Amino acid sequence: MSELTKITAGIWVVDRPMIMAGARIGCRMTVVRLAKGKLLLHSPVQPDRAWPKEVAELGDVAWIVAPSLMHNLWTPDTKTIFPDAQVLAPPGFDKIHPELETSPLLESEEVAAHFDLQLVGGMPKMNEVVMHHRRSNTLLVADFVFNMPADIRGFTRLLFRFLNGGYGKVTQTRVFKSYVKDADAHMESVMKILAWDFDRVVLGHGDVVHENAKELIEDVYRTR
């Protein structure tokens, strides 16, 4: 059975279980095929024997993207598997992984040819960079929003109902909100993200949103 799930033309995901603070939140890597068959890996998940081989069959991995300071765990292992790939990271990433040679994600002209890039402002301990793939009108996010499924059970259901803003819909966790230290800078960056033309959002945690994603994220900020 394939590790890769196709989302739309040129975009696949790999989903993995993940438990944090006792909650089963899952995690997701996104694979995007760009010009000349070059691949971009967004937020790598733990490598196993299967997905690196399947990804290599799609094309050459040119970029490994760590989209935030929180989504960094499997970047070194993925770089070991794809040694020719360039690691692109947000500000401050070099302090977490000084052993890795990285380049600033926000300054990559090759990636900017295909994506709009925006640092989520006012959150220096997270420094998430949201990416907008213009050709497919798809937003790639790490923790910017969650979309936990309605059928979650047990402690995970309890956590997202009472502590993290809900489930079965696009939400923003209270943990994420707690990282906002400059509200004005944060909202300025969010307005830039919401000015993009996107309909789909592939999230680091929770179900992919295949339509009306922009309106759903706008609703998140209306109800903050």
N, C-alpha and C. Protein backbone atom coordinates (compact mmCIF):
# COMPACT_ATOMS: atom_id res chain seq x y z
N MET A 1 0.84 -1.20 0.00
CA MET A 1 0.00 0.00 0.00
C MET A 1 0.88 1.25 0.00
N SER A 2 0.53 2.23 -0.83
CA SER A 2 1.35 3.42 -0.96
C SER A 2 1.31 4.28 0.30
N GLU A 3 2.46 4.85 0.63
CA GLU A 3 2.53 5.80 1.74
C GLU A 3 2.01 7.17 1.33
N LEU A 4 2.00 7.43 0.02
CA LEU A 4 1.63 8.74 -0.50
C LEU A 4 0.14 8.80 -0.84
N THR A 5 -0.48 9.91 -0.44
CA THR A 5 -1.87 10.18 -0.82
C THR A 5 -1.90 11.41 -1.70
N LYS A 6 -2.47 11.27 -2.88
CA LYS A 6 -2.52 12.41 -3.80
C LYS A 6 -3.62 13.38 -3.39
N ILE A 7 -3.27 14.66 -3.31
CA ILE A 7 -4.23 15.69 -2.94
C ILE A 7 -4.80 16.37 -4.18
N THR A 8 -3.93 16.72 -5.10
CA THR A 8 -4.30 17.30 -6.38
C THR A 8 -3.10 17.11 -7.29
N ALA A 9 -3.17 17.60 -8.50
CA ALA A 9 -2.08 17.40 -9.45
C ALA A 9 -0.78 17.98 -8.89
N GLY A 10 0.23 17.12 -8.74
CA GLY A 10 1.54 17.57 -8.29
C GLY A 10 1.70 17.73 -6.80
N ILE A 11 0.71 17.33 -6.00
CA ILE A 11 0.80 17.45 -4.54
C ILE A 11 0.36 16.14 -3.89
N TRP A 12 1.22 15.63 -3.00
CA TRP A 12 0.93 14.41 -2.25
C TRP A 12 1.21 14.67 -0.76
N VAL A 13 0.67 13.83 0.09
CA VAL A 13 0.97 13.93 1.52
C VAL A 13 1.33 12.56 2.06
N VAL A 14 2.08 12.57 3.16
CA VAL A 14 2.37 11.38 3.94
C VAL A 14 1.91 11.67 5.37
N ASP A 15 1.00 10.85 5.88
CA ASP A 15 0.46 11.04 7.22
C ASP A 15 1.09 10.06 8.19
N ARG A 16 1.31 10.53 9.41
CA ARG A 16 1.91 9.71 10.44
C ARG A 16 1.19 9.95 11.77
N PRO A 17 1.07 8.92 12.61
CA PRO A 17 0.54 9.14 13.96
C PRO A 17 1.51 9.97 14.78
N MET A 18 0.97 10.76 15.68
CA MET A 18 1.80 11.57 16.57
C MET A 18 1.01 11.84 17.84
N ILE A 19 1.64 11.65 18.98
CA ILE A 19 1.00 11.93 20.26
C ILE A 19 1.75 13.06 20.94
N MET A 20 1.01 14.09 21.36
CA MET A 20 1.60 15.20 22.08
C MET A 20 0.74 15.52 23.30
N ALA A 21 1.37 15.56 24.46
CA ALA A 21 0.66 15.81 25.72
C ALA A 21 -0.51 14.85 25.90
N GLY A 22 -0.33 13.62 25.43
CA GLY A 22 -1.36 12.61 25.59
C GLY A 22 -2.43 12.61 24.52
N ALA A 23 -2.39 13.59 23.60
CA ALA A 23 -3.42 13.69 22.56
C ALA A 23 -2.87 13.17 21.23
N ARG A 24 -3.72 12.46 20.51
CA ARG A 24 -3.34 11.92 19.20
C ARG A 24 -3.65 12.97 18.14
N ILE A 25 -2.65 13.76 17.78
CA ILE A 25 -2.89 14.86 16.84
C ILE A 25 -2.41 14.53 15.42
N GLY A 26 -1.60 13.49 15.26
CA GLY A 26 -1.10 13.15 13.94
C GLY A 26 -0.18 14.23 13.38
N CYS A 27 0.54 13.90 12.32
CA CYS A 27 1.38 14.89 11.65
C CYS A 27 1.45 14.53 10.17
N ARG A 28 1.82 15.51 9.36
CA ARG A 28 1.73 15.34 7.90
C ARG A 28 2.89 16.04 7.21
N MET A 29 3.45 15.35 6.23
CA MET A 29 4.41 15.94 5.31
C MET A 29 3.71 16.15 3.96
N THR A 30 4.02 17.25 3.32
CA THR A 30 3.49 17.52 1.98
C THR A 30 4.62 17.47 0.97
N VAL A 31 4.36 16.82 -0.15
CA VAL A 31 5.31 16.73 -1.26
C VAL A 31 4.74 17.51 -2.43
N VAL A 32 5.51 18.46 -2.96
CA VAL A 32 5.06 19.26 -4.09
C VAL A 32 6.06 19.10 -5.23
N ARG A 33 5.56 18.73 -6.40
CA ARG A 33 6.42 18.63 -7.58
C ARG A 33 6.38 19.94 -8.34
N LEU A 34 7.57 20.52 -8.54
CA LEU A 34 7.69 21.81 -9.19
C LEU A 34 8.32 21.64 -10.57
N ALA A 35 8.92 22.67 -11.10
CA ALA A 35 9.45 22.63 -12.46
C ALA A 35 10.55 21.59 -12.60
N LYS A 36 10.61 20.97 -13.78
CA LYS A 36 11.63 19.99 -14.15
C LYS A 36 11.63 18.78 -13.20
N GLY A 37 10.48 18.49 -12.61
CA GLY A 37 10.36 17.33 -11.75
C GLY A 37 10.99 17.47 -10.38
N LYS A 38 11.45 18.67 -10.03
CA LYS A 38 12.06 18.86 -8.72
C LYS A 38 10.98 18.83 -7.64
N LEU A 39 11.33 18.22 -6.51
CA LEU A 39 10.37 18.05 -5.41
C LEU A 39 10.73 18.92 -4.22
N LEU A 40 9.69 19.41 -3.56
CA LEU A 40 9.83 20.14 -2.30
C LEU A 40 9.11 19.33 -1.23
N LEU A 41 9.81 19.05 -0.12
CA LEU A 41 9.23 18.35 1.02
C LEU A 41 8.94 19.37 2.12
N HIS A 42 7.69 19.50 2.47
CA HIS A 42 7.27 20.47 3.48
C HIS A 42 7.00 19.73 4.79
N SER A 43 7.72 20.07 5.84
CA SER A 43 7.54 19.50 7.18
C SER A 43 7.72 17.98 7.17
N PRO A 44 8.93 17.50 6.97
CA PRO A 44 9.16 16.05 6.88
C PRO A 44 8.69 15.29 8.12
N VAL A 45 8.13 14.11 7.86
CA VAL A 45 7.78 13.20 8.95
C VAL A 45 8.91 12.19 9.11
N GLN A 46 8.81 11.35 10.13
CA GLN A 46 9.87 10.39 10.40
C GLN A 46 10.08 9.48 9.20
N PRO A 47 11.30 9.41 8.69
CA PRO A 47 11.56 8.51 7.57
C PRO A 47 11.43 7.04 7.97
N ASP A 48 10.91 6.27 7.06
CA ASP A 48 10.86 4.82 7.24
C ASP A 48 11.44 4.19 5.96
N ARG A 49 11.16 2.94 5.74
CA ARG A 49 11.71 2.27 4.55
C ARG A 49 10.90 2.59 3.29
N ALA A 50 9.68 3.08 3.47
CA ALA A 50 8.76 3.19 2.34
C ALA A 50 8.71 4.57 1.70
N TRP A 51 8.35 5.61 2.51
CA TRP A 51 8.06 6.87 1.84
C TRP A 51 9.26 7.50 1.14
N PRO A 52 10.49 7.42 1.65
CA PRO A 52 11.60 8.02 0.88
C PRO A 52 11.76 7.39 -0.51
N LYS A 53 11.54 6.07 -0.59
CA LYS A 53 11.64 5.40 -1.88
C LYS A 53 10.54 5.86 -2.82
N GLU A 54 9.31 5.97 -2.31
CA GLU A 54 8.19 6.42 -3.14
C GLU A 54 8.38 7.86 -3.59
N VAL A 55 8.87 8.70 -2.70
CA VAL A 55 9.12 10.09 -3.06
C VAL A 55 10.19 10.18 -4.14
N ALA A 56 11.25 9.40 -4.01
CA ALA A 56 12.33 9.42 -5.01
C ALA A 56 11.83 9.00 -6.38
N GLU A 57 10.81 8.17 -6.41
CA GLU A 57 10.23 7.74 -7.69
C GLU A 57 9.45 8.87 -8.37
N LEU A 58 9.04 9.86 -7.59
CA LEU A 58 8.31 11.00 -8.16
C LEU A 58 9.23 12.01 -8.84
N GLY A 59 10.47 12.10 -8.37
CA GLY A 59 11.41 13.09 -8.90
C GLY A 59 12.57 13.27 -7.95
N ASP A 60 13.35 14.31 -8.22
CA ASP A 60 14.52 14.62 -7.39
C ASP A 60 14.13 15.58 -6.28
N VAL A 61 14.45 15.21 -5.04
CA VAL A 61 14.16 16.10 -3.91
C VAL A 61 15.18 17.23 -3.91
N ALA A 62 14.71 18.44 -4.18
CA ALA A 62 15.59 19.60 -4.27
C ALA A 62 15.56 20.44 -3.01
N TRP A 63 14.41 20.44 -2.30
CA TRP A 63 14.27 21.30 -1.12
C TRP A 63 13.59 20.53 0.01
N ILE A 64 14.11 20.69 1.20
CA ILE A 64 13.49 20.20 2.43
C ILE A 64 13.13 21.42 3.26
N VAL A 65 11.86 21.62 3.50
CA VAL A 65 11.39 22.82 4.18
C VAL A 65 11.00 22.51 5.62
N ALA A 66 11.65 23.18 6.55
CA ALA A 66 11.20 23.21 7.94
C ALA A 66 10.35 24.47 8.08
N PRO A 67 9.03 24.36 8.15
CA PRO A 67 8.17 25.54 8.07
C PRO A 67 8.10 26.38 9.34
N SER A 68 8.59 25.84 10.46
CA SER A 68 8.57 26.61 11.70
C SER A 68 9.61 26.06 12.65
N LEU A 69 9.82 26.78 13.75
CA LEU A 69 10.77 26.32 14.75
C LEU A 69 10.25 25.11 15.51
N MET A 70 8.95 24.86 15.42
CA MET A 70 8.34 23.71 16.09
C MET A 70 8.37 22.46 15.22
N HIS A 71 8.37 22.63 13.91
CA HIS A 71 8.37 21.51 12.98
C HIS A 71 9.78 21.29 12.47
N ASN A 72 10.60 20.68 13.30
CA ASN A 72 12.02 20.55 12.98
C ASN A 72 12.57 19.16 13.23
N LEU A 73 11.82 18.29 13.87
CA LEU A 73 12.37 17.07 14.45
C LEU A 73 13.03 16.16 13.43
N TRP A 74 12.37 15.96 12.28
CA TRP A 74 12.85 14.97 11.32
C TRP A 74 13.61 15.58 10.15
N THR A 75 13.90 16.88 10.24
CA THR A 75 14.66 17.52 9.17
C THR A 75 16.06 16.91 9.01
N PRO A 76 16.83 16.71 10.09
CA PRO A 76 18.17 16.14 9.91
C PRO A 76 18.17 14.76 9.28
N ASP A 77 17.26 13.88 9.72
CA ASP A 77 17.21 12.53 9.15
C ASP A 77 16.83 12.57 7.67
N THR A 78 15.92 13.47 7.32
CA THR A 78 15.51 13.58 5.93
C THR A 78 16.65 14.11 5.06
N LYS A 79 17.41 15.04 5.60
CA LYS A 79 18.59 15.54 4.89
C LYS A 79 19.61 14.43 4.67
N THR A 80 19.76 13.53 5.62
CA THR A 80 20.69 12.41 5.47
C THR A 80 20.27 11.51 4.31
N ILE A 81 18.97 11.30 4.16
CA ILE A 81 18.45 10.46 3.08
C ILE A 81 18.58 11.15 1.73
N PHE A 82 18.36 12.47 1.72
CA PHE A 82 18.43 13.24 0.48
C PHE A 82 19.55 14.29 0.62
N PRO A 83 20.80 13.87 0.57
CA PRO A 83 21.92 14.77 0.89
C PRO A 83 22.10 15.92 -0.08
N ASP A 84 21.57 15.80 -1.30
CA ASP A 84 21.73 16.88 -2.27
C ASP A 84 20.66 17.95 -2.14
N ALA A 85 19.67 17.71 -1.30
CA ALA A 85 18.58 18.69 -1.13
C ALA A 85 19.04 19.87 -0.28
N GLN A 86 18.50 21.02 -0.59
CA GLN A 86 18.77 22.23 0.20
C GLN A 86 17.74 22.33 1.33
N VAL A 87 18.22 22.54 2.55
CA VAL A 87 17.32 22.71 3.68
C VAL A 87 16.97 24.18 3.81
N LEU A 88 15.68 24.49 3.74
CA LEU A 88 15.17 25.85 3.86
C LEU A 88 14.44 25.98 5.18
N ALA A 89 14.73 27.04 5.92
CA ALA A 89 14.21 27.13 7.29
C ALA A 89 13.88 28.57 7.65
N PRO A 90 13.08 28.75 8.72
CA PRO A 90 12.69 30.09 9.16
C PRO A 90 13.78 30.72 10.02
N PRO A 91 13.63 32.00 10.34
CA PRO A 91 14.60 32.66 11.22
C PRO A 91 14.72 31.95 12.56
N GLY A 92 15.95 31.75 13.02
CA GLY A 92 16.20 31.13 14.32
C GLY A 92 16.41 29.63 14.27
N PHE A 93 16.23 29.02 13.11
CA PHE A 93 16.34 27.56 13.01
C PHE A 93 17.76 27.08 13.27
N ASP A 94 18.74 27.90 12.91
CA ASP A 94 20.13 27.50 13.09
C ASP A 94 20.50 27.32 14.56
N LYS A 95 19.76 27.95 15.45
CA LYS A 95 20.02 27.78 16.87
C LYS A 95 19.51 26.43 17.39
N ILE A 96 18.52 25.88 16.72
CA ILE A 96 17.97 24.58 17.10
C ILE A 96 18.81 23.45 16.51
N HIS A 97 19.22 23.64 15.26
CA HIS A 97 20.01 22.62 14.57
C HIS A 97 21.28 23.24 13.99
N PRO A 98 22.22 23.60 14.85
CA PRO A 98 23.46 24.23 14.34
C PRO A 98 24.29 23.28 13.49
N GLU A 99 24.02 21.98 13.59
CA GLU A 99 24.79 21.00 12.80
C GLU A 99 24.37 20.97 11.34
N LEU A 100 23.20 21.55 11.02
CA LEU A 100 22.68 21.52 9.66
C LEU A 100 23.06 22.77 8.89
N GLU A 101 23.44 22.59 7.65
CA GLU A 101 23.61 23.74 6.76
C GLU A 101 22.24 24.10 6.19
N THR A 102 21.78 25.30 6.47
CA THR A 102 20.45 25.72 6.04
C THR A 102 20.53 27.04 5.28
N SER A 103 19.47 27.32 4.55
CA SER A 103 19.31 28.60 3.86
C SER A 103 17.98 29.21 4.28
N PRO A 104 17.87 30.54 4.26
CA PRO A 104 16.61 31.18 4.68
C PRO A 104 15.47 30.88 3.70
N LEU A 105 14.42 30.30 4.21
CA LEU A 105 13.26 30.00 3.38
C LEU A 105 12.70 31.25 2.74
N LEU A 106 12.63 32.33 3.49
CA LEU A 106 12.02 33.56 3.00
C LEU A 106 12.84 34.24 1.90
N GLU A 107 14.07 33.81 1.71
CA GLU A 107 14.93 34.42 0.69
C GLU A 107 15.16 33.53 -0.52
N SER A 108 14.48 32.40 -0.59
CA SER A 108 14.69 31.47 -1.70
C SER A 108 13.96 31.95 -2.95
N GLU A 109 14.70 32.40 -3.95
CA GLU A 109 14.10 32.86 -5.19
C GLU A 109 13.49 31.70 -5.97
N GLU A 110 14.12 30.53 -5.91
CA GLU A 110 13.59 29.37 -6.63
C GLU A 110 12.23 28.96 -6.09
N VAL A 111 12.10 28.95 -4.77
CA VAL A 111 10.81 28.59 -4.18
C VAL A 111 9.80 29.70 -4.40
N ALA A 112 10.23 30.93 -4.31
CA ALA A 112 9.32 32.07 -4.50
C ALA A 112 8.77 32.14 -5.93
N ALA A 113 9.41 31.46 -6.86
CA ALA A 113 8.88 31.41 -8.21
C ALA A 113 7.58 30.62 -8.28
N HIS A 114 7.32 29.80 -7.28
CA HIS A 114 6.13 28.95 -7.26
C HIS A 114 5.21 29.24 -6.07
N PHE A 115 5.77 29.82 -5.01
CA PHE A 115 5.02 30.02 -3.77
C PHE A 115 5.06 31.48 -3.34
N ASP A 116 3.96 31.94 -2.74
CA ASP A 116 4.01 33.13 -1.90
C ASP A 116 4.43 32.66 -0.51
N LEU A 117 5.25 33.46 0.16
CA LEU A 117 5.77 33.10 1.48
C LEU A 117 5.48 34.22 2.47
N GLN A 118 5.02 33.85 3.66
CA GLN A 118 4.75 34.87 4.67
C GLN A 118 5.08 34.33 6.06
N LEU A 119 5.97 35.04 6.74
CA LEU A 119 6.25 34.74 8.14
C LEU A 119 5.06 35.19 8.98
N VAL A 120 4.55 34.30 9.82
CA VAL A 120 3.46 34.67 10.74
C VAL A 120 4.08 35.54 11.82
N GLY A 121 3.75 36.82 11.81
CA GLY A 121 4.44 37.79 12.65
C GLY A 121 4.07 37.74 14.12
N GLY A 122 4.91 38.33 14.93
CA GLY A 122 4.64 38.48 16.35
C GLY A 122 4.78 37.22 17.16
N MET A 123 5.43 36.19 16.59
CA MET A 123 5.55 34.89 17.27
C MET A 123 6.99 34.39 17.15
N PRO A 124 7.94 35.07 17.76
CA PRO A 124 9.36 34.76 17.53
C PRO A 124 9.79 33.38 18.01
N LYS A 125 9.06 32.77 18.93
CA LYS A 125 9.43 31.43 19.38
C LYS A 125 8.88 30.33 18.47
N MET A 126 8.06 30.73 17.50
CA MET A 126 7.50 29.77 16.55
C MET A 126 7.99 30.06 15.13
N ASN A 127 7.87 31.31 14.72
CA ASN A 127 8.34 31.75 13.39
C ASN A 127 7.88 30.82 12.27
N GLU A 128 6.58 30.56 12.23
CA GLU A 128 6.05 29.75 11.14
C GLU A 128 5.99 30.55 9.85
N VAL A 129 6.41 29.92 8.75
CA VAL A 129 6.27 30.50 7.42
C VAL A 129 5.16 29.76 6.70
N VAL A 130 4.09 30.48 6.38
CA VAL A 130 2.97 29.92 5.62
C VAL A 130 3.31 30.04 4.13
N MET A 131 3.01 28.97 3.38
CA MET A 131 3.35 28.91 1.97
C MET A 131 2.08 28.76 1.13
N HIS A 132 2.02 29.53 0.04
CA HIS A 132 0.88 29.48 -0.87
C HIS A 132 1.36 29.04 -2.24
N HIS A 133 0.98 27.83 -2.63
CA HIS A 133 1.33 27.30 -3.95
C HIS A 133 0.33 27.89 -4.95
N ARG A 134 0.84 28.82 -5.75
CA ARG A 134 -0.07 29.60 -6.58
C ARG A 134 -0.78 28.77 -7.65
N ARG A 135 -0.08 27.83 -8.27
CA ARG A 135 -0.68 27.08 -9.38
C ARG A 135 -1.90 26.28 -8.93
N SER A 136 -1.86 25.73 -7.73
CA SER A 136 -2.97 24.90 -7.25
C SER A 136 -3.88 25.62 -6.25
N ASN A 137 -3.57 26.89 -5.96
CA ASN A 137 -4.34 27.64 -4.95
C ASN A 137 -4.41 26.89 -3.62
N THR A 138 -3.23 26.38 -3.21
CA THR A 138 -3.15 25.58 -2.00
C THR A 138 -2.26 26.24 -0.96
N LEU A 139 -2.76 26.32 0.26
CA LEU A 139 -1.99 26.85 1.39
C LEU A 139 -1.36 25.68 2.13
N LEU A 140 -0.08 25.82 2.48
CA LEU A 140 0.60 24.83 3.31
C LEU A 140 0.89 25.45 4.66
N VAL A 141 0.42 24.82 5.74
CA VAL A 141 0.64 25.36 7.08
C VAL A 141 1.14 24.26 8.00
N ALA A 142 1.77 24.66 9.08
CA ALA A 142 2.24 23.72 10.11
C ALA A 142 1.27 23.73 11.28
N ASP A 143 1.28 24.80 12.08
CA ASP A 143 0.41 24.91 13.25
C ASP A 143 -0.53 26.12 13.17
N PHE A 144 -0.48 26.84 12.08
CA PHE A 144 -1.27 28.06 11.93
C PHE A 144 -2.75 27.82 12.19
N VAL A 145 -3.27 26.72 11.65
CA VAL A 145 -4.63 26.26 12.00
C VAL A 145 -4.61 24.74 12.08
N PHE A 146 -5.55 24.20 12.85
CA PHE A 146 -5.78 22.75 12.95
C PHE A 146 -7.16 22.45 12.36
N ASN A 147 -7.38 21.19 12.01
CA ASN A 147 -8.71 20.75 11.58
C ASN A 147 -8.91 19.31 12.04
N MET A 148 -9.02 19.15 13.36
CA MET A 148 -9.15 17.81 13.92
C MET A 148 -10.50 17.21 13.54
N PRO A 149 -10.52 15.93 13.12
CA PRO A 149 -11.77 15.33 12.65
C PRO A 149 -12.83 15.22 13.74
N ALA A 150 -14.08 15.20 13.30
CA ALA A 150 -15.21 15.17 14.24
C ALA A 150 -15.29 13.86 15.00
N ASP A 151 -14.68 12.79 14.47
CA ASP A 151 -14.81 11.48 15.10
C ASP A 151 -13.67 11.14 16.06
N ILE A 152 -12.87 12.14 16.47
CA ILE A 152 -11.83 11.85 17.46
C ILE A 152 -12.49 11.44 18.78
N ARG A 153 -11.77 10.64 19.56
CA ARG A 153 -12.35 10.09 20.77
C ARG A 153 -11.41 10.27 21.96
N GLY A 154 -11.91 9.98 23.13
CA GLY A 154 -11.11 9.93 24.34
C GLY A 154 -10.52 11.27 24.74
N PHE A 155 -9.28 11.21 25.25
CA PHE A 155 -8.64 12.41 25.76
C PHE A 155 -8.43 13.44 24.66
N THR A 156 -8.16 12.99 23.43
CA THR A 156 -7.95 13.93 22.33
C THR A 156 -9.20 14.76 22.10
N ARG A 157 -10.36 14.12 22.12
CA ARG A 157 -11.63 14.82 21.96
C ARG A 157 -11.84 15.83 23.08
N LEU A 158 -11.56 15.40 24.30
CA LEU A 158 -11.72 16.28 25.46
C LEU A 158 -10.81 17.50 25.35
N LEU A 159 -9.56 17.23 24.97
CA LEU A 159 -8.59 18.32 24.87
C LEU A 159 -9.02 19.35 23.85
N PHE A 160 -9.42 18.91 22.68
CA PHE A 160 -9.77 19.87 21.63
C PHE A 160 -11.13 20.50 21.85
N ARG A 161 -11.98 19.88 22.62
CA ARG A 161 -13.27 20.50 22.90
C ARG A 161 -13.15 21.61 23.94
N PHE A 162 -12.42 21.34 25.01
CA PHE A 162 -12.42 22.28 26.13
C PHE A 162 -11.16 23.15 26.21
N LEU A 163 -10.06 22.66 25.67
CA LEU A 163 -8.81 23.40 25.85
C LEU A 163 -8.26 24.03 24.58
N ASN A 164 -8.63 23.49 23.43
CA ASN A 164 -7.98 23.95 22.21
C ASN A 164 -8.93 24.39 21.11
N GLY A 165 -10.11 24.81 21.48
CA GLY A 165 -10.94 25.53 20.52
C GLY A 165 -11.87 24.70 19.66
N GLY A 166 -11.93 23.40 19.87
CA GLY A 166 -12.93 22.61 19.16
C GLY A 166 -12.34 21.61 18.19
N TYR A 167 -13.21 20.82 17.60
CA TYR A 167 -12.83 19.79 16.64
C TYR A 167 -13.94 19.70 15.61
N GLY A 168 -13.66 19.01 14.51
CA GLY A 168 -14.64 18.93 13.44
C GLY A 168 -14.79 20.22 12.66
N LYS A 169 -13.83 21.11 12.84
CA LYS A 169 -13.83 22.39 12.12
C LYS A 169 -12.42 22.97 12.16
N VAL A 170 -12.20 23.96 11.31
CA VAL A 170 -10.90 24.64 11.30
C VAL A 170 -10.84 25.55 12.53
N THR A 171 -9.81 25.36 13.34
CA THR A 171 -9.65 26.15 14.55
C THR A 171 -8.19 26.56 14.71
N GLN A 172 -7.97 27.41 15.68
CA GLN A 172 -6.62 27.79 16.07
C GLN A 172 -6.48 27.43 17.56
N THR A 173 -5.44 26.69 17.88
CA THR A 173 -5.33 26.21 19.26
C THR A 173 -4.95 27.34 20.21
N ARG A 174 -5.32 27.17 21.44
CA ARG A 174 -4.95 28.15 22.46
C ARG A 174 -3.44 28.15 22.68
N VAL A 175 -2.82 27.00 22.45
CA VAL A 175 -1.36 26.96 22.54
C VAL A 175 -0.74 27.87 21.49
N PHE A 176 -1.24 27.80 20.27
CA PHE A 176 -0.74 28.67 19.20
C PHE A 176 -0.95 30.13 19.58
N LYS A 177 -2.12 30.47 20.03
CA LYS A 177 -2.43 31.86 20.38
C LYS A 177 -1.52 32.37 21.49
N SER A 178 -1.13 31.46 22.39
CA SER A 178 -0.28 31.89 23.51
C SER A 178 1.11 32.34 23.07
N TYR A 179 1.51 31.94 21.87
CA TYR A 179 2.82 32.32 21.35
C TYR A 179 2.82 33.72 20.73
N VAL A 180 1.66 34.30 20.55
CA VAL A 180 1.59 35.65 19.96
C VAL A 180 2.03 36.68 20.99
N LYS A 181 3.12 37.36 20.70
CA LYS A 181 3.67 38.37 21.62
C LYS A 181 3.49 39.80 21.09
N ASP A 182 3.20 39.94 19.82
CA ASP A 182 2.96 41.25 19.23
C ASP A 182 1.72 41.12 18.36
N ALA A 183 0.57 41.51 18.90
CA ALA A 183 -0.71 41.30 18.21
C ALA A 183 -0.79 42.09 16.91
N ASP A 184 -0.24 43.29 16.88
CA ASP A 184 -0.31 44.11 15.67
C ASP A 184 0.51 43.48 14.54
N ALA A 185 1.72 43.03 14.85
CA ALA A 185 2.55 42.38 13.84
C ALA A 185 1.90 41.09 13.37
N HIS A 186 1.27 40.39 14.29
CA HIS A 186 0.60 39.13 13.94
C HIS A 186 -0.53 39.39 12.94
N MET A 187 -1.40 40.33 13.25
CA MET A 187 -2.54 40.59 12.38
C MET A 187 -2.10 41.17 11.04
N GLU A 188 -1.06 41.95 11.03
CA GLU A 188 -0.56 42.47 9.76
C GLU A 188 -0.14 41.32 8.83
N SER A 189 0.54 40.33 9.38
CA SER A 189 0.96 39.19 8.56
C SER A 189 -0.23 38.34 8.14
N VAL A 190 -1.20 38.16 9.02
CA VAL A 190 -2.38 37.37 8.69
C VAL A 190 -3.17 38.01 7.56
N MET A 191 -3.27 39.33 7.56
CA MET A 191 -3.98 40.02 6.49
C MET A 191 -3.30 39.79 5.14
N LYS A 192 -1.99 39.69 5.14
CA LYS A 192 -1.26 39.40 3.90
C LYS A 192 -1.56 37.99 3.42
N ILE A 193 -1.64 37.05 4.35
CA ILE A 193 -1.98 35.68 3.99
C ILE A 193 -3.40 35.61 3.42
N LEU A 194 -4.32 36.30 4.05
CA LEU A 194 -5.71 36.26 3.61
C LEU A 194 -5.94 37.03 2.32
N ALA A 195 -4.96 37.80 1.87
CA ALA A 195 -5.06 38.48 0.58
C ALA A 195 -4.75 37.55 -0.59
N TRP A 196 -4.16 36.38 -0.29
CA TRP A 196 -3.84 35.42 -1.35
C TRP A 196 -5.11 34.72 -1.82
N ASP A 197 -5.05 34.19 -3.03
CA ASP A 197 -6.18 33.46 -3.61
C ASP A 197 -5.96 31.97 -3.39
N PHE A 198 -6.57 31.41 -2.36
CA PHE A 198 -6.44 29.98 -2.10
C PHE A 198 -7.79 29.39 -1.73
N ASP A 199 -7.95 28.12 -2.05
CA ASP A 199 -9.21 27.43 -1.77
C ASP A 199 -9.00 26.19 -0.92
N ARG A 200 -7.75 25.70 -0.91
CA ARG A 200 -7.41 24.46 -0.21
C ARG A 200 -6.34 24.76 0.82
N VAL A 201 -6.35 24.03 1.95
CA VAL A 201 -5.26 24.14 2.91
C VAL A 201 -4.85 22.74 3.36
N VAL A 202 -3.55 22.47 3.23
CA VAL A 202 -2.98 21.23 3.72
C VAL A 202 -2.31 21.56 5.04
N LEU A 203 -2.78 20.93 6.11
CA LEU A 203 -2.36 21.27 7.47
C LEU A 203 -1.34 20.27 8.00
N GLY A 204 -0.58 20.71 8.98
CA GLY A 204 0.32 19.79 9.65
C GLY A 204 -0.40 18.81 10.55
N HIS A 205 -1.62 19.20 11.01
CA HIS A 205 -2.38 18.38 11.94
C HIS A 205 -3.86 18.48 11.60
N GLY A 206 -4.49 17.34 11.41
CA GLY A 206 -5.92 17.33 11.12
C GLY A 206 -6.21 17.12 9.65
N ASP A 207 -7.50 17.12 9.31
CA ASP A 207 -7.93 16.82 7.95
C ASP A 207 -7.59 17.94 6.98
N VAL A 208 -7.21 17.54 5.76
CA VAL A 208 -7.01 18.51 4.69
C VAL A 208 -8.35 19.18 4.36
N VAL A 209 -8.31 20.49 4.13
CA VAL A 209 -9.51 21.23 3.72
C VAL A 209 -9.44 21.41 2.21
N HIS A 210 -10.38 20.85 1.49
CA HIS A 210 -10.31 20.83 0.03
C HIS A 210 -11.06 21.98 -0.63
N GLU A 211 -11.87 22.68 0.10
CA GLU A 211 -12.60 23.81 -0.50
C GLU A 211 -12.97 24.82 0.58
N ASN A 212 -13.16 26.08 0.13
CA ASN A 212 -13.57 27.17 1.02
C ASN A 212 -12.59 27.41 2.17
N ALA A 213 -11.31 27.07 1.99
CA ALA A 213 -10.34 27.20 3.08
C ALA A 213 -10.14 28.65 3.49
N LYS A 214 -10.12 29.54 2.53
CA LYS A 214 -9.89 30.95 2.86
C LYS A 214 -11.00 31.48 3.76
N GLU A 215 -12.24 31.17 3.42
CA GLU A 215 -13.37 31.64 4.23
C GLU A 215 -13.32 31.05 5.63
N LEU A 216 -12.91 29.79 5.74
CA LEU A 216 -12.85 29.15 7.05
C LEU A 216 -11.77 29.77 7.93
N ILE A 217 -10.65 30.13 7.35
CA ILE A 217 -9.59 30.79 8.14
C ILE A 217 -10.01 32.21 8.50
N GLU A 218 -10.69 32.89 7.58
CA GLU A 218 -11.23 34.21 7.92
C GLU A 218 -12.16 34.12 9.13
N ASP A 219 -12.98 33.06 9.17
CA ASP A 219 -13.89 32.87 10.31
C ASP A 219 -13.12 32.67 11.61
N VAL A 220 -11.99 31.98 11.55
CA VAL A 220 -11.16 31.79 12.75
C VAL A 220 -10.77 33.14 13.33
N TYR A 221 -10.40 34.07 12.47
CA TYR A 221 -9.94 35.37 12.97
C TYR A 221 -11.09 36.31 13.33
N ARG A 222 -12.26 36.05 12.78
CA ARG A 222 -13.44 36.84 13.20
C ARG A 222 -13.84 36.51 14.64
N THR A 223 -13.59 35.26 15.04
CA THR A 223 -14.07 34.80 16.34
C THR A 223 -12.96 34.75 17.39
N ARG A 224 -11.79 35.28 17.12
CA ARG A 224 -10.70 35.27 18.09
C ARG A 224 -11.06 36.10 19.31
